C-alpha atoms as a PDB file:
ATOM      1  CA  UNK A   1     -29.612  -2.739  27.837  1.00  0.00           C
ATOM      2  CA  UNK A   2     -31.220  -3.078  24.406  1.00  0.00           C
ATOM      3  CA  UNK A   3     -29.373  -3.944  21.195  1.00  0.00           C
ATOM      4  CA  UNK A   4     -29.629  -0.315  20.055  1.00  0.00           C
ATOM      5  CA  UNK A   5     -28.084   0.945  23.313  1.00  0.00           C
ATOM      6  CA  UNK A   6     -25.231  -1.540  22.932  1.00  0.00           C
ATOM      7  CA  UNK A   7     -24.619  -0.427  19.342  1.00  0.00           C
ATOM      8  CA  UNK A   8     -24.600   3.236  20.393  1.00  0.00           C
ATOM      9  CA  UNK A   9     -22.262   2.469  23.279  1.00  0.00           C
ATOM     10  CA  UNK A  10     -19.933   0.559  20.936  1.00  0.00           C
ATOM     11  CA  UNK A  11     -20.037   3.355  18.368  1.00  0.00           C
ATOM     12  CA  UNK A  12     -19.349   5.991  21.054  1.00  0.00           C
ATOM     13  CA  UNK A  13     -16.435   3.966  22.341  1.00  0.00           C
ATOM     14  CA  UNK A  14     -14.973   3.539  18.839  1.00  0.00           C
ATOM     15  CA  UNK A  15     -15.390   7.246  18.109  1.00  0.00           C
ATOM     16  CA  UNK A  16     -13.744   8.209  21.386  1.00  0.00           C
ATOM     17  CA  UNK A  17     -10.826   5.822  20.719  1.00  0.00           C
ATOM     18  CA  UNK A  18     -10.450   7.190  17.173  1.00  0.00           C
ATOM     19  CA  UNK A  19     -10.301  10.757  18.493  1.00  0.00           C
ATOM     20  CA  UNK A  20      -7.748   9.881  21.179  1.00  0.00           C
ATOM     21  CA  UNK A  21      -5.570   7.905  18.775  1.00  0.00           C
ATOM     22  CA  UNK A  22      -5.683  10.619  16.128  1.00  0.00           C
ATOM     23  CA  UNK A  23      -4.929  13.297  18.720  1.00  0.00           C
ATOM     24  CA  UNK A  24      -1.858  11.409  19.942  1.00  0.00           C
ATOM     25  CA  UNK A  25      -0.592  10.976  16.375  1.00  0.00           C
ATOM     26  CA  UNK A  26      -1.261  14.545  15.304  1.00  0.00           C
ATOM     27  CA  UNK A  27       0.105  16.113  18.496  1.00  0.00           C
ATOM     28  CA  UNK A  28       3.185  13.885  18.428  1.00  0.00           C
ATOM     29  CA  UNK A  29       4.141  15.599  15.186  1.00  0.00           C
ATOM     30  CA  UNK A  30       2.767  19.089  15.806  1.00  0.00           C
ATOM     31  CA  UNK A  31       2.162  20.329  19.353  1.00  0.00           C
ATOM     32  CA  UNK A  32       0.340  23.357  17.981  1.00  0.00           C
ATOM     33  CA  UNK A  33      -2.185  21.347  15.958  1.00  0.00           C
ATOM     34  CA  UNK A  34      -5.725  22.633  16.230  1.00  0.00           C
ATOM     35  CA  UNK A  35      -8.806  20.721  17.299  1.00  0.00           C
ATOM     36  CA  UNK A  36      -9.896  20.985  13.660  1.00  0.00           C
ATOM     37  CA  UNK A  37      -6.673  19.204  12.606  1.00  0.00           C
ATOM     38  CA  UNK A  38      -7.387  16.455  15.108  1.00  0.00           C
ATOM     39  CA  UNK A  39     -11.007  16.135  13.995  1.00  0.00           C
ATOM     40  CA  UNK A  40      -9.880  15.686  10.379  1.00  0.00           C
ATOM     41  CA  UNK A  41      -7.329  13.034  11.393  1.00  0.00           C
ATOM     42  CA  UNK A  42      -9.982  11.215  13.446  1.00  0.00           C
ATOM     43  CA  UNK A  43     -12.426  11.446  10.533  1.00  0.00           C
ATOM     44  CA  UNK A  44     -15.053  13.182  12.660  1.00  0.00           C
ATOM     45  CA  UNK A  45     -16.606  16.625  12.562  1.00  0.00           C
ATOM     46  CA  UNK A  46     -15.510  19.347  14.965  1.00  0.00           C
ATOM     47  CA  UNK A  47     -18.909  19.261  16.646  1.00  0.00           C
ATOM     48  CA  UNK A  48     -18.469  15.529  17.277  1.00  0.00           C
ATOM     49  CA  UNK A  49     -15.021  16.118  18.750  1.00  0.00           C
ATOM     50  CA  UNK A  50     -16.453  18.845  21.005  1.00  0.00           C
ATOM     51  CA  UNK A  51     -19.217  16.512  22.227  1.00  0.00           C
ATOM     52  CA  UNK A  52     -16.534  14.168  23.521  1.00  0.00           C
ATOM     53  CA  UNK A  53     -14.013  16.814  24.608  1.00  0.00           C
ATOM     54  CA  UNK A  54     -15.390  20.307  25.186  1.00  0.00           C
ATOM     55  CA  UNK A  55     -11.974  21.983  25.033  1.00  0.00           C
ATOM     56  CA  UNK A  56      -8.315  21.374  24.266  1.00  0.00           C
ATOM     57  CA  UNK A  57      -7.351  20.897  27.938  1.00  0.00           C
ATOM     58  CA  UNK A  58      -9.911  18.127  28.409  1.00  0.00           C
ATOM     59  CA  UNK A  59      -8.712  16.437  25.234  1.00  0.00           C
ATOM     60  CA  UNK A  60      -5.042  16.674  26.271  1.00  0.00           C
ATOM     61  CA  UNK A  61      -5.760  15.191  29.702  1.00  0.00           C
ATOM     62  CA  UNK A  62      -7.677  12.337  28.115  1.00  0.00           C
ATOM     63  CA  UNK A  63      -4.959  11.696  25.505  1.00  0.00           C
ATOM     64  CA  UNK A  64      -2.276  11.574  28.218  1.00  0.00           C
ATOM     65  CA  UNK A  65      -4.213   9.082  30.339  1.00  0.00           C
ATOM     66  CA  UNK A  66      -5.255   7.029  27.317  1.00  0.00           C
ATOM     67  CA  UNK A  67      -1.685   6.972  25.997  1.00  0.00           C
ATOM     68  CA  UNK A  68      -0.376   5.624  29.299  1.00  0.00           C
ATOM     69  CA  UNK A  69      -3.133   3.012  29.270  1.00  0.00           C
ATOM     70  CA  UNK A  70      -2.316   1.985  25.690  1.00  0.00           C
ATOM     71  CA  UNK A  71       1.389   1.805  26.560  1.00  0.00           C
ATOM     72  CA  UNK A  72       0.708  -0.307  29.648  1.00  0.00           C
ATOM     73  CA  UNK A  73      -1.596  -2.647  27.697  1.00  0.00           C
ATOM     74  CA  UNK A  74       1.050  -3.072  25.001  1.00  0.00           C
ATOM     75  CA  UNK A  75       3.729  -3.888  27.574  1.00  0.00           C
ATOM     76  CA  UNK A  76       1.411  -6.331  29.342  1.00  0.00           C
ATOM     77  CA  UNK A  77       0.576  -8.072  26.062  1.00  0.00           C
ATOM     78  CA  UNK A  78       4.314  -8.462  25.351  1.00  0.00           C
ATOM     79  CA  UNK A  79       4.532 -10.896  28.319  1.00  0.00           C
ATOM     80  CA  UNK A  80       8.019  -9.740  29.254  1.00  0.00           C
ATOM     81  CA  UNK A  81       8.322 -12.277  32.062  1.00  0.00           C
ATOM     82  CA  UNK A  82       7.822 -15.205  29.672  1.00  0.00           C
ATOM     83  CA  UNK A  83      10.510 -17.034  27.738  1.00  0.00           C
ATOM     84  CA  UNK A  84      14.194 -16.292  27.265  1.00  0.00           C
ATOM     85  CA  UNK A  85      15.233 -12.689  27.983  1.00  0.00           C
ATOM     86  CA  UNK A  86      16.401 -12.018  24.433  1.00  0.00           C
ATOM     87  CA  UNK A  87      13.062 -13.091  22.962  1.00  0.00           C
ATOM     88  CA  UNK A  88      11.219 -11.048  25.582  1.00  0.00           C
ATOM     89  CA  UNK A  89      13.398  -8.039  24.737  1.00  0.00           C
ATOM     90  CA  UNK A  90      12.439  -8.381  21.086  1.00  0.00           C
ATOM     91  CA  UNK A  91       8.765  -8.451  22.096  1.00  0.00           C
ATOM     92  CA  UNK A  92       9.369  -5.356  24.213  1.00  0.00           C
ATOM     93  CA  UNK A  93      10.858  -3.496  21.245  1.00  0.00           C
ATOM     94  CA  UNK A  94       7.917  -4.524  19.040  1.00  0.00           C
ATOM     95  CA  UNK A  95       5.452  -3.449  21.750  1.00  0.00           C
ATOM     96  CA  UNK A  96       7.095  -0.034  22.085  1.00  0.00           C
ATOM     97  CA  UNK A  97       7.233   0.474  18.324  1.00  0.00           C
ATOM     98  CA  UNK A  98       3.539  -0.430  18.087  1.00  0.00           C
ATOM     99  CA  UNK A  99       2.742   2.510  20.363  1.00  0.00           C
ATOM    100  CA  UNK A 100       5.377   4.817  18.891  1.00  0.00           C
ATOM    101  CA  UNK A 101       2.937   7.686  18.311  1.00  0.00           C
ATOM    102  CA  UNK A 102       1.894   7.495  21.947  1.00  0.00           C
ATOM    103  CA  UNK A 103       5.546   7.566  23.081  1.00  0.00           C
ATOM    104  CA  UNK A 104       6.278  10.551  20.872  1.00  0.00           C
ATOM    105  CA  UNK A 105       3.212  12.349  22.198  1.00  0.00           C
ATOM    106  CA  UNK A 106       3.969  11.608  25.855  1.00  0.00           C
ATOM    107  CA  UNK A 107       7.701  12.183  25.846  1.00  0.00           C
ATOM    108  CA  UNK A 108       8.366  14.483  22.881  1.00  0.00           C
ATOM    109  CA  UNK A 109       7.781  17.626  24.895  1.00  0.00           C
ATOM    110  CA  UNK A 110       8.553  17.715  28.627  1.00  0.00           C
ATOM    111  CA  UNK A 111       5.640  20.103  29.160  1.00  0.00           C
ATOM    112  CA  UNK A 112       3.143  17.407  28.158  1.00  0.00           C
ATOM    113  CA  UNK A 113       3.359  15.703  31.541  1.00  0.00           C
ATOM    114  CA  UNK A 114       3.750  18.815  33.711  1.00  0.00           C
ATOM    115  CA  UNK A 115       1.318  18.711  36.604  1.00  0.00           C
ATOM    116  CA  UNK A 116       0.006  15.282  35.651  1.00  0.00           C
ATOM    117  CA  UNK A 117      -1.796  13.519  38.435  1.00  0.00           C
ATOM    118  CA  UNK A 118      -2.092   9.874  37.536  1.00  0.00           C
ATOM    119  CA  UNK A 119      -5.311   8.286  38.647  1.00  0.00           C
ATOM    120  CA  UNK A 120      -3.915   4.802  38.438  1.00  0.00           C
ATOM    121  CA  UNK A 121      -0.389   3.422  38.400  1.00  0.00           C
ATOM    122  CA  UNK A 122       0.393  -0.095  37.231  1.00  0.00           C
ATOM    123  CA  UNK A 123       1.679  -2.610  39.795  1.00  0.00           C
ATOM    124  CA  UNK A 124       5.010  -2.865  37.967  1.00  0.00           C
ATOM    125  CA  UNK A 125       5.854   0.564  36.564  1.00  0.00           C
ATOM    126  CA  UNK A 126       9.201  -0.654  35.153  1.00  0.00           C
ATOM    127  CA  UNK A 127       8.695  -3.964  33.373  1.00  0.00           C
ATOM    128  CA  UNK A 128      11.665  -3.208  31.118  1.00  0.00           C
ATOM    129  CA  UNK A 129      13.995  -2.939  34.114  1.00  0.00           C
ATOM    130  CA  UNK A 130      12.823  -6.283  35.491  1.00  0.00           C
ATOM    131  CA  UNK A 131      13.428  -7.905  32.094  1.00  0.00           C
ATOM    132  CA  UNK A 132      16.883  -6.375  31.757  1.00  0.00           C
ATOM    133  CA  UNK A 133      17.853  -7.445  35.275  1.00  0.00           C
ATOM    134  CA  UNK A 134      16.635 -10.974  34.521  1.00  0.00           C
ATOM    135  CA  UNK A 135      18.707 -10.982  31.337  1.00  0.00           C
ATOM    136  CA  UNK A 136      21.736  -9.751  33.241  1.00  0.00           C
ATOM    137  CA  UNK A 137      21.300 -12.411  35.932  1.00  0.00           C
ATOM    138  CA  UNK A 138      21.076 -15.099  33.239  1.00  0.00           C
ATOM    139  CA  UNK A 139      24.220 -13.788  31.523  1.00  0.00           C
ATOM    140  CA  UNK A 140      22.438 -12.677  28.358  1.00  0.00           C
ATOM    141  CA  UNK A 141      22.768  -8.910  28.814  1.00  0.00           C
ATOM    142  CA  UNK A 142      25.889  -7.060  29.910  1.00  0.00           C
ATOM    143  CA  UNK A 143      25.880  -6.892  33.713  1.00  0.00           C
ATOM    144  CA  UNK A 144      28.611  -4.220  33.750  1.00  0.00           C
ATOM    145  CA  UNK A 145      26.124  -1.664  32.461  1.00  0.00           C
ATOM    146  CA  UNK A 146      23.273  -0.629  34.738  1.00  0.00           C
ATOM    147  CA  UNK A 147      19.780  -1.857  33.904  1.00  0.00           C
ATOM    148  CA  UNK A 148      18.582   1.750  33.985  1.00  0.00           C
ATOM    149  CA  UNK A 149      21.168   2.747  31.370  1.00  0.00           C
ATOM    150  CA  UNK A 150      20.176  -0.141  29.098  1.00  0.00           C
ATOM    151  CA  UNK A 151      16.520   0.846  29.459  1.00  0.00           C
ATOM    152  CA  UNK A 152      17.313   4.482  28.625  1.00  0.00           C
ATOM    153  CA  UNK A 153      19.260   3.367  25.547  1.00  0.00           C
ATOM    154  CA  UNK A 154      16.340   1.193  24.453  1.00  0.00           C
ATOM    155  CA  UNK A 155      13.782   3.974  24.860  1.00  0.00           C
ATOM    156  CA  UNK A 156      16.058   6.403  23.011  1.00  0.00           C
ATOM    157  CA  UNK A 157      16.499   3.995  20.097  1.00  0.00           C
ATOM    158  CA  UNK A 158      12.773   3.294  19.831  1.00  0.00           C
ATOM    159  CA  UNK A 159      11.850   6.950  20.119  1.00  0.00           C
ATOM    160  CA  UNK A 160      14.428   8.031  17.532  1.00  0.00           C
ATOM    161  CA  UNK A 161      13.432   5.295  15.092  1.00  0.00           C
ATOM    162  CA  UNK A 162       9.738   6.202  15.397  1.00  0.00           C
ATOM    163  CA  UNK A 163      10.623   9.853  14.890  1.00  0.00           C
ATOM    164  CA  UNK A 164      12.699   9.010  11.801  1.00  0.00           C
ATOM    165  CA  UNK A 165       9.824   6.972  10.379  1.00  0.00           C
ATOM    166  CA  UNK A 166       7.399   9.834  10.992  1.00  0.00           C
ATOM    167  CA  UNK A 167       9.754  12.159   9.103  1.00  0.00           C
ATOM    168  CA  UNK A 168      10.099   9.720   6.219  1.00  0.00           C
ATOM    169  CA  UNK A 169      13.750   8.920   6.957  1.00  0.00           C
ATOM    170  CA  UNK A 170      13.036   5.236   7.632  1.00  0.00           C
ATOM    171  CA  UNK A 171      10.231   2.983   6.441  1.00  0.00           C
ATOM    172  CA  UNK A 172       7.812   2.239   9.279  1.00  0.00           C
ATOM    173  CA  UNK A 173       8.036  -1.510   8.623  1.00  0.00           C
ATOM    174  CA  UNK A 174      11.804  -1.385   9.294  1.00  0.00           C
ATOM    175  CA  UNK A 175      11.672   0.196  12.740  1.00  0.00           C
ATOM    176  CA  UNK A 176      11.426  -2.928  14.887  1.00  0.00           C
ATOM    177  CA  UNK A 177      14.180  -4.847  13.072  1.00  0.00           C
ATOM    178  CA  UNK A 178      16.466  -1.807  13.033  1.00  0.00           C
ATOM    179  CA  UNK A 179      16.038  -1.109  16.726  1.00  0.00           C
ATOM    180  CA  UNK A 180      16.515  -4.773  17.656  1.00  0.00           C
ATOM    181  CA  UNK A 181      19.680  -5.071  15.573  1.00  0.00           C
ATOM    182  CA  UNK A 182      21.161  -1.849  16.907  1.00  0.00           C
ATOM    183  CA  UNK A 183      20.199  -2.628  20.468  1.00  0.00           C
ATOM    184  CA  UNK A 184      21.403  -6.217  20.499  1.00  0.00           C
ATOM    185  CA  UNK A 185      24.809  -5.320  19.140  1.00  0.00           C
ATOM    186  CA  UNK A 186      25.272  -3.165  22.236  1.00  0.00           C
ATOM    187  CA  UNK A 187      23.949  -5.456  24.998  1.00  0.00           C
ATOM    188  CA  UNK A 188      24.801  -9.027  24.073  1.00  0.00           C
ATOM    189  CA  UNK A 189      27.758 -10.606  25.838  1.00  0.00           C
END
């Protein structure tokens, strides 16, 4: 592969990522957004967007799969199995907040995932549960509350905080600290 081919491949990859990221952000806030709206947010022309994704259905499928991949990569990078459970939980919150637009896109409308056929599932689809159970076993998190309930509470807090930030009700830089504080006051022994 020549240097020019590598540059084109890198540019195509960056453009594709920009489109997918912009689509997740735009659609998280407005499910009826047009492809033109997404193209503007991605800073590309409509014809460029159509070269990558010929229609809205293709774009939506790609955004769903990419959003799950981004979420999984963020959770993997948080190294939830490392260190004390409380520190790992704080990394988990930060990782989820970092992909808040993706969470809002994926889970803001139950129709988004209707009929989804995942091509690839991670080995550990519930890293949060494993972390919570570890924290419970070590006496850090309340063992009288189910791990699933704690995880649901965490996801709800993160989702709500990201939504509030998107609506201007909370500064984006305050999300992680606010979620951690609220969450810890409810799960620490």
